[in-house]
Amino acid sequence: MQFTDANGSPFRGVGGFLDAKVAQYNRPEFIENDPIVIPHLFSRKQDIEIMGFWAATLAWGQRVTIIKKCKELIALMDGAPYDFIINHEEPDLKKMLQFKHRTFNDVDTLYFIAFFRQHYEKYESLEDAFLRFDGDYSPFRGLGGFRSYFFSLPDFPHRTKKHVSSPSQKSTCKRLNMFLRWMVRKDDNGVDFGIWNRIKSADLICPLDLHVDRVSRKLNLITRKQTDWQTAVELTERLREFDPADPVKYDFALFGLGIEERWGVQF
């Protein structure tokens, strides 16, 4: 399998090809139409966390619609998510009943607000929610523990559980892994935030959606037939061969190849 650049010069295998694609897509110019643009509307850490988590949770369907709905949600919270969540009173919640995105409805919205309030009354950062069950973060326990914690409020609505996944369900946990990439990865490119310090980039799992899955299979990075949690782990292990300290940076390359180039990989 031969990979060449625009001048016909060969890359150093798949890793060199993906490194070039990371450099191409890990730039602010490519986030205008991506859900990560939503937390970039804020500078306060808690606002970034809250709207980053919400944007990742709502990230299915057309990206332009996802961004529009997230902005609608921000407006309903008076442009200040953290302040609204901490200081709202019961009458303030009435306007939230109008929010809906696909299968995410008012019941889910109110529970998310309730969870965020109880969490931020005890902790300064949402990072703590992923570390409650594991002093040193590990993906399987960290994500599974987060889901248990998220639904620890009394009488939580069972319908909301479909919006927060767990490895124990054999889910790829794409949305949670994407959110963690946003919060954890550190570089100077102005895309990911890197505002969390206790979870390491080396321990993250690559977000695996349809586009990343297809491109990864074309590049022979995935051999597992089904697409589930173990498939995401398999892909990440392969990506660690190219960069052990930051394997999920290749999400930029794989997703960019799928969305921007329509899987236009030249073999």
Protein backbone atom coordinates (compact mmCIF):
# COMPACT_ATOMS: atom_id res chain seq x y z
CA MET A 1 0.00 0.00 0.00
CA GLN A 2 1.58 3.26 -1.16
CA PHE A 3 0.68 6.74 0.10
CA THR A 4 1.96 9.84 -1.67
CA ASP A 5 1.55 13.56 -1.07
CA ALA A 6 0.40 16.16 -3.61
CA ASN A 7 3.88 16.17 -5.16
CA GLY A 8 3.98 12.41 -5.52
CA SER A 9 6.47 11.91 -2.71
CA PRO A 10 5.78 8.82 -0.58
CA PHE A 11 4.71 9.07 3.07
CA ARG A 12 6.33 6.81 5.63
CA GLY A 13 3.53 4.24 5.67
CA VAL A 14 0.04 4.68 7.12
CA GLY A 15 1.39 6.57 10.14
CA GLY A 16 3.10 9.19 8.02
CA PHE A 17 -0.03 9.56 5.89
CA LEU A 18 -2.23 10.03 8.97
CA ASP A 19 0.23 12.49 10.54
CA ALA A 20 -0.09 14.63 7.43
CA LYS A 21 -3.88 14.47 7.64
CA VAL A 22 -3.82 15.41 11.33
CA ALA A 23 -1.81 18.51 10.42
CA GLN A 24 -4.36 19.28 7.71
CA TYR A 25 -7.51 18.94 9.82
CA ASN A 26 -6.41 19.81 13.38
CA ARG A 27 -6.92 23.51 12.72
CA PRO A 28 -9.58 26.08 13.69
CA GLU A 29 -10.61 26.50 10.05
CA PHE A 30 -12.21 23.06 10.17
CA ILE A 31 -14.28 23.44 13.35
CA GLU A 32 -16.72 26.10 12.15
CA ASN A 33 -19.16 23.40 11.06
CA ASP A 34 -18.32 20.90 13.81
CA PRO A 35 -20.13 20.57 17.18
CA ILE A 36 -16.89 21.49 19.00
CA VAL A 37 -17.59 25.07 17.90
CA ILE A 38 -20.24 25.20 20.65
CA PRO A 39 -17.95 25.01 23.71
CA HIS A 40 -15.62 27.41 21.87
CA LEU A 41 -18.28 30.08 22.40
CA PHE A 42 -17.23 30.20 26.08
CA SER A 43 -14.16 30.94 28.16
CA ARG A 44 -15.35 29.84 31.61
CA LYS A 45 -14.26 26.28 32.35
CA GLN A 46 -17.63 25.09 33.60
CA ASP A 47 -19.46 26.56 30.59
CA ILE A 48 -17.02 24.77 28.28
CA GLU A 49 -17.59 21.49 30.12
CA ILE A 50 -21.38 21.77 30.23
CA MET A 51 -21.89 22.78 26.62
CA GLY A 52 -19.11 20.48 25.44
CA PHE A 53 -20.88 17.54 27.08
CA TRP A 54 -24.25 18.62 25.74
CA ALA A 55 -22.91 19.21 22.21
CA ALA A 56 -21.27 15.77 22.21
CA THR A 57 -24.47 14.15 23.52
CA LEU A 58 -26.59 15.77 20.80
CA ALA A 59 -24.05 14.99 18.06
CA TRP A 60 -26.06 12.83 15.75
CA GLY A 61 -27.71 13.92 12.53
CA GLN A 62 -26.65 16.84 10.35
CA ARG A 63 -23.93 18.95 11.93
CA VAL A 64 -25.62 22.23 11.01
CA THR A 65 -28.74 21.09 12.90
CA ILE A 66 -26.71 19.96 15.92
CA ILE A 67 -25.05 23.38 16.16
CA LYS A 68 -28.38 25.17 15.71
CA LYS A 69 -30.03 23.14 18.48
CA CYS A 70 -27.09 23.70 20.84
CA LYS A 71 -27.33 27.44 20.29
CA GLU A 72 -31.05 27.23 20.99
CA LEU A 73 -30.27 25.47 24.26
CA ILE A 74 -27.74 28.15 25.20
CA ALA A 75 -30.32 30.86 24.54
CA LEU A 76 -32.83 29.09 26.79
CA MET A 77 -30.19 29.23 29.54
CA ASP A 78 -29.78 32.98 28.99
CA GLY A 79 -26.37 32.58 27.38
CA ALA A 80 -24.77 31.43 30.64
CA PRO A 81 -25.14 27.65 31.14
CA TYR A 82 -23.21 27.29 34.41
CA ASP A 83 -24.90 30.28 36.03
CA PHE A 84 -28.32 29.02 34.94
CA ILE A 85 -27.67 25.51 36.25
CA ILE A 86 -26.40 26.67 39.63
CA ASN A 87 -28.84 29.53 40.25
CA HIS A 88 -32.06 28.60 38.47
CA GLU A 89 -35.32 28.39 40.38
CA GLU A 90 -38.23 26.10 39.60
CA PRO A 91 -40.12 28.61 37.40
CA ASP A 92 -36.99 29.04 35.25
CA LEU A 93 -37.27 25.44 34.14
CA LYS A 94 -40.59 25.94 32.36
CA LYS A 95 -38.96 27.41 29.27
CA MET A 96 -36.68 24.38 29.04
CA LEU A 97 -39.71 22.20 28.32
CA GLN A 98 -39.71 23.41 24.71
CA PHE A 99 -36.27 21.98 23.91
CA LYS A 100 -36.09 18.87 21.72
CA HIS A 101 -33.53 17.34 19.35
CA ARG A 102 -34.48 14.10 17.67
CA THR A 103 -35.09 11.67 20.57
CA PHE A 104 -33.67 14.04 23.20
CA ASN A 105 -36.63 15.79 24.84
CA ASP A 106 -37.68 17.93 27.80
CA VAL A 107 -37.46 15.02 30.27
CA ASP A 108 -33.83 14.47 29.29
CA THR A 109 -33.09 18.20 29.39
CA LEU A 110 -34.40 18.59 32.93
CA TYR A 111 -32.45 15.57 34.15
CA PHE A 112 -29.22 16.86 32.62
CA ILE A 113 -29.75 20.16 34.44
CA ALA A 114 -30.46 18.34 37.71
CA PHE A 115 -27.32 16.22 37.34
CA PHE A 116 -25.11 19.19 36.54
CA ARG A 117 -26.43 21.15 39.53
CA GLN A 118 -25.82 18.38 42.05
CA HIS A 119 -22.37 17.72 40.59
CA TYR A 120 -21.17 21.33 40.53
CA GLU A 121 -22.44 21.91 44.04
CA LYS A 122 -19.75 19.41 45.13
CA TYR A 123 -17.01 19.64 42.50
CA GLU A 124 -15.24 22.39 40.57
CA SER A 125 -14.90 20.37 37.37
CA LEU A 126 -16.75 17.67 35.47
CA GLU A 127 -13.44 15.80 35.27
CA ASP A 128 -14.14 14.53 38.79
CA ALA A 129 -17.17 12.66 37.45
CA PHE A 130 -14.89 10.41 35.38
CA LEU A 131 -12.47 9.72 38.24
CA ARG A 132 -14.82 8.77 41.06
CA PHE A 133 -14.37 5.03 40.51
CA ASP A 134 -10.75 4.91 39.46
CA GLY A 135 -7.91 6.97 40.92
CA ASP A 136 -5.89 6.48 37.75
CA TYR A 137 -8.26 6.82 34.82
CA SER A 138 -8.85 3.74 32.71
CA PRO A 139 -11.40 3.89 29.87
CA PHE A 140 -13.60 0.90 30.71
CA ARG A 141 -13.98 1.70 34.41
CA GLY A 142 -13.94 5.46 33.89
CA LEU A 143 -16.78 5.54 31.37
CA GLY A 144 -18.77 2.84 33.15
CA GLY A 145 -18.34 4.62 36.47
CA PHE A 146 -19.38 7.92 34.94
CA ARG A 147 -22.63 6.45 33.64
CA SER A 148 -23.42 4.96 37.06
CA TYR A 149 -22.72 8.31 38.69
CA PHE A 150 -24.70 10.25 36.08
CA PHE A 151 -27.80 8.20 36.87
CA SER A 152 -27.35 8.20 40.63
CA LEU A 153 -30.02 10.82 41.32
CA PRO A 154 -33.23 9.44 42.86
CA ASP A 155 -36.00 8.60 40.39
CA PHE A 156 -33.91 9.30 37.31
CA PRO A 157 -35.89 8.88 34.07
CA HIS A 158 -35.05 5.53 32.49
CA ARG A 159 -35.64 6.94 29.01
CA THR A 160 -32.62 9.24 29.48
CA LYS A 161 -30.23 6.30 29.90
CA LYS A 162 -30.07 5.83 26.13
CA HIS A 163 -28.26 9.17 25.83
CA VAL A 164 -25.27 8.17 27.98
CA SER A 165 -23.49 4.99 26.97
CA SER A 166 -21.11 2.58 28.69
CA PRO A 167 -18.52 0.02 27.53
CA SER A 168 -20.41 -2.66 29.43
CA GLN A 169 -23.22 -2.23 26.88
CA LYS A 170 -20.65 -2.99 24.16
CA SER A 171 -21.18 0.54 22.87
CA THR A 172 -18.31 2.34 21.15
CA CYS A 173 -19.12 5.27 23.50
CA LYS A 174 -18.35 7.60 20.59
CA ARG A 175 -19.91 10.70 22.15
CA LEU A 176 -18.23 10.30 25.53
CA ASN A 177 -14.88 9.58 23.91
CA MET A 178 -15.28 12.62 21.69
CA PHE A 179 -16.10 14.81 24.69
CA LEU A 180 -13.04 13.48 26.54
CA ARG A 181 -10.85 14.24 23.52
CA TRP A 182 -12.08 17.83 23.57
CA MET A 183 -11.41 18.26 27.30
CA VAL A 184 -8.15 16.32 27.67
CA ARG A 185 -5.97 16.71 24.56
CA LYS A 186 -3.38 19.47 24.76
CA ASP A 187 -1.73 21.15 21.78
CA ASP A 188 -1.43 24.67 20.41
CA ASN A 189 -3.78 24.21 17.46
CA GLY A 190 -6.85 25.88 18.96
CA VAL A 191 -9.26 22.96 18.50
CA ASP A 192 -9.23 20.70 21.58
CA PHE A 193 -9.27 22.52 24.92
CA GLY A 194 -6.88 20.56 27.14
CA ILE A 195 -8.45 22.01 30.30
CA TRP A 196 -8.31 18.72 32.24
CA ASN A 197 -5.06 17.58 33.81
CA ARG A 198 -5.70 14.31 35.65
CA ILE A 199 -6.78 12.21 32.67
CA LYS A 200 -3.98 11.63 30.16
CA SER A 201 -4.24 11.76 26.39
CA ALA A 202 -2.48 8.40 26.24
CA ASP A 203 -5.42 6.78 28.04
CA LEU A 204 -8.17 8.01 25.72
CA ILE A 205 -10.08 5.86 23.23
CA CYS A 206 -10.58 7.07 19.68
CA PRO A 207 -14.19 8.16 18.96
CA LEU A 208 -15.57 5.61 16.52
CA ASP A 209 -18.47 6.63 14.30
CA LEU A 210 -19.53 5.46 10.86
CA HIS A 211 -17.01 7.66 9.02
CA VAL A 212 -14.03 6.76 11.21
CA ASP A 213 -15.01 3.08 11.07
CA ARG A 214 -15.12 2.99 7.26
CA VAL A 215 -11.85 4.85 6.76
CA SER A 216 -10.10 2.75 9.41
CA ARG A 217 -11.18 -0.45 7.71
CA LYS A 218 -9.91 0.81 4.36
CA LEU A 219 -6.58 1.50 6.01
CA ASN A 220 -6.60 -1.97 7.61
CA LEU A 221 -6.54 -0.47 11.10
CA ILE A 222 -9.56 -2.56 12.12
CA THR A 223 -9.99 -6.31 11.61
CA ARG A 224 -12.90 -6.97 13.97
CA LYS A 225 -16.09 -7.59 11.97
CA GLN A 226 -18.57 -5.91 14.29
CA THR A 227 -18.39 -2.33 15.48
CA ASP A 228 -18.47 -2.14 19.29
CA TRP A 229 -16.35 -1.18 22.29
CA GLN A 230 -13.66 -3.74 21.49
CA THR A 231 -13.45 -2.36 17.97
CA ALA A 232 -12.78 1.13 19.33
CA VAL A 233 -10.10 -0.37 21.60
CA GLU A 234 -8.56 -2.27 18.67
CA LEU A 235 -8.40 0.91 16.57
CA THR A 236 -6.84 2.88 19.42
CA GLU A 237 -4.20 0.21 19.98
CA ARG A 238 -3.23 0.45 16.32
CA LEU A 239 -3.08 4.25 16.54
CA ARG A 240 -0.82 3.98 19.60
CA GLU A 241 1.75 2.39 17.31
CA PHE A 242 2.03 5.77 15.56
CA ASP A 243 1.85 7.95 18.69
CA PRO A 244 1.71 6.21 22.10
CA ALA A 245 1.26 9.47 24.00
CA ASP A 246 -1.58 10.86 21.89
CA PRO A 247 -3.32 8.19 19.79
CA VAL A 248 -6.66 9.97 19.53
CA LYS A 249 -5.17 12.89 17.60
CA TYR A 250 -5.70 10.64 14.59
CA ASP A 251 -9.43 11.15 15.01
CA PHE A 252 -8.86 14.37 13.07
CA ALA A 253 -7.34 12.44 10.17
CA LEU A 254 -9.83 9.60 10.07
CA PHE A 255 -12.90 11.81 10.47
CA GLY A 256 -11.55 14.37 8.00
CA LEU A 257 -10.93 11.69 5.40
CA GLY A 258 -14.48 10.45 5.87
CA ILE A 259 -16.35 13.76 5.96
CA GLU A 260 -14.23 16.21 3.97
CA GLU A 261 -12.82 13.78 1.42
CA ARG A 262 -15.65 11.24 1.41
CA TRP A 263 -13.29 8.39 2.21
CA GLY A 264 -11.10 9.57 -0.67
CA VAL A 265 -8.06 7.54 0.39
CA GLN A 266 -5.72 6.84 -2.51
CA PHE A 267 -4.21 3.37 -2.39
